[in-house]
């Protein structure tokens, strides 16, 4: 669930405000990037498209890590990854 829509997994594990904030921080730049690529490529500069894409990807990766640590913490395990 969190892989498709970042933030929904945080809401599911009991962190609703962090989940909503993560979803907003992901959707806004992703929408700008998609709009710049497919809807109005002549009006949105490449710099803005790349910047928004990188920011959205960073938020997506952070959301996956946050869900991982929150679910481990909810299960009572250590939130660190042991190799």
Protein backbone atom coordinates (compact mmCIF):
# COMPACT_ATOMS: atom_id res chain seq x y z
CA UNK A 1 0.00 0.00 0.00
CA UNK A 2 2.76 2.45 0.91
CA UNK A 3 4.70 1.59 -2.25
CA UNK A 4 1.97 3.07 -4.45
CA UNK A 5 0.80 5.94 -2.24
CA UNK A 6 3.46 7.02 0.29
CA UNK A 7 1.95 7.97 3.61
CA UNK A 8 -0.89 5.45 3.61
CA UNK A 9 1.24 2.87 5.39
CA UNK A 10 2.03 5.36 8.15
CA UNK A 11 -1.67 6.04 8.59
CA UNK A 12 -2.28 2.27 8.81
CA UNK A 13 0.34 1.79 11.56
CA UNK A 14 -1.08 4.60 13.69
CA UNK A 15 0.92 7.67 12.59
CA UNK A 16 -1.87 9.61 10.82
CA UNK A 17 -0.37 13.11 10.87
CA UNK A 18 3.00 11.92 9.62
CA UNK A 19 1.23 9.89 6.94
CA UNK A 20 -0.82 12.84 5.72
CA UNK A 21 2.21 15.13 5.72
CA UNK A 22 4.23 12.55 3.78
CA UNK A 23 1.44 12.09 1.26
CA UNK A 24 1.17 15.83 0.69
CA UNK A 25 4.94 16.22 0.39
CA UNK A 26 5.00 13.43 -2.21
CA UNK A 27 1.93 14.30 -4.27
CA UNK A 28 2.60 18.01 -4.75
CA UNK A 29 6.00 17.79 -6.49
CA UNK A 30 5.02 14.57 -8.29
CA UNK A 31 1.99 16.33 -9.75
CA UNK A 32 4.13 19.26 -10.88
CA UNK A 33 6.61 16.88 -12.52
CA UNK A 34 3.90 14.88 -14.29
CA UNK A 35 2.19 18.06 -15.41
CA UNK A 36 5.46 19.40 -16.73
CA UNK A 37 6.22 16.21 -18.64
CA UNK A 38 2.83 15.27 -20.10
CA UNK A 39 0.39 18.16 -19.77
CA UNK A 40 2.34 21.36 -20.42
CA UNK A 41 5.96 20.57 -21.32
CA UNK A 42 6.47 23.91 -23.08
CA UNK A 43 5.61 25.97 -19.98
CA UNK A 44 7.47 24.10 -17.23
CA UNK A 45 11.25 24.22 -17.34
CA UNK A 46 13.34 21.07 -17.24
CA UNK A 47 15.04 22.26 -14.06
CA UNK A 48 11.72 22.38 -12.22
CA UNK A 49 10.69 18.97 -13.57
CA UNK A 50 13.97 17.34 -12.49
CA UNK A 51 13.96 19.09 -9.10
CA UNK A 52 10.38 18.04 -8.35
CA UNK A 53 11.09 14.48 -9.50
CA UNK A 54 14.14 14.19 -7.25
CA UNK A 55 12.25 15.65 -4.28
CA UNK A 56 9.29 13.28 -4.82
CA UNK A 57 11.66 10.30 -5.07
CA UNK A 58 13.40 11.37 -1.86
CA UNK A 59 10.07 11.63 -0.03
CA UNK A 60 9.04 8.22 -1.41
CA UNK A 61 12.23 6.57 -0.12
CA UNK A 62 11.87 8.32 3.25
CA UNK A 63 8.25 7.15 3.51
CA UNK A 64 9.32 3.54 2.98
CA UNK A 65 11.92 3.85 5.73
CA UNK A 66 9.42 5.52 8.10
CA UNK A 67 6.88 2.71 7.59
CA UNK A 68 9.58 0.10 8.12
CA UNK A 69 10.69 1.63 11.42
CA UNK A 70 7.14 2.34 12.61
CA UNK A 71 5.99 -1.20 11.89
CA UNK A 72 9.04 -2.69 13.60
CA UNK A 73 8.48 -0.43 16.59
CA UNK A 74 4.80 -1.42 16.71
CA UNK A 75 5.80 -5.08 16.67
CA UNK A 76 8.15 -4.48 19.59
CA UNK A 77 11.32 -5.20 17.67
CA UNK A 78 14.38 -3.06 17.25
CA UNK A 79 14.05 -0.56 14.41
CA UNK A 80 17.61 -1.14 13.26
CA UNK A 81 18.51 -3.38 10.39
CA UNK A 82 20.88 -6.14 11.37
CA UNK A 83 22.92 -7.66 8.57
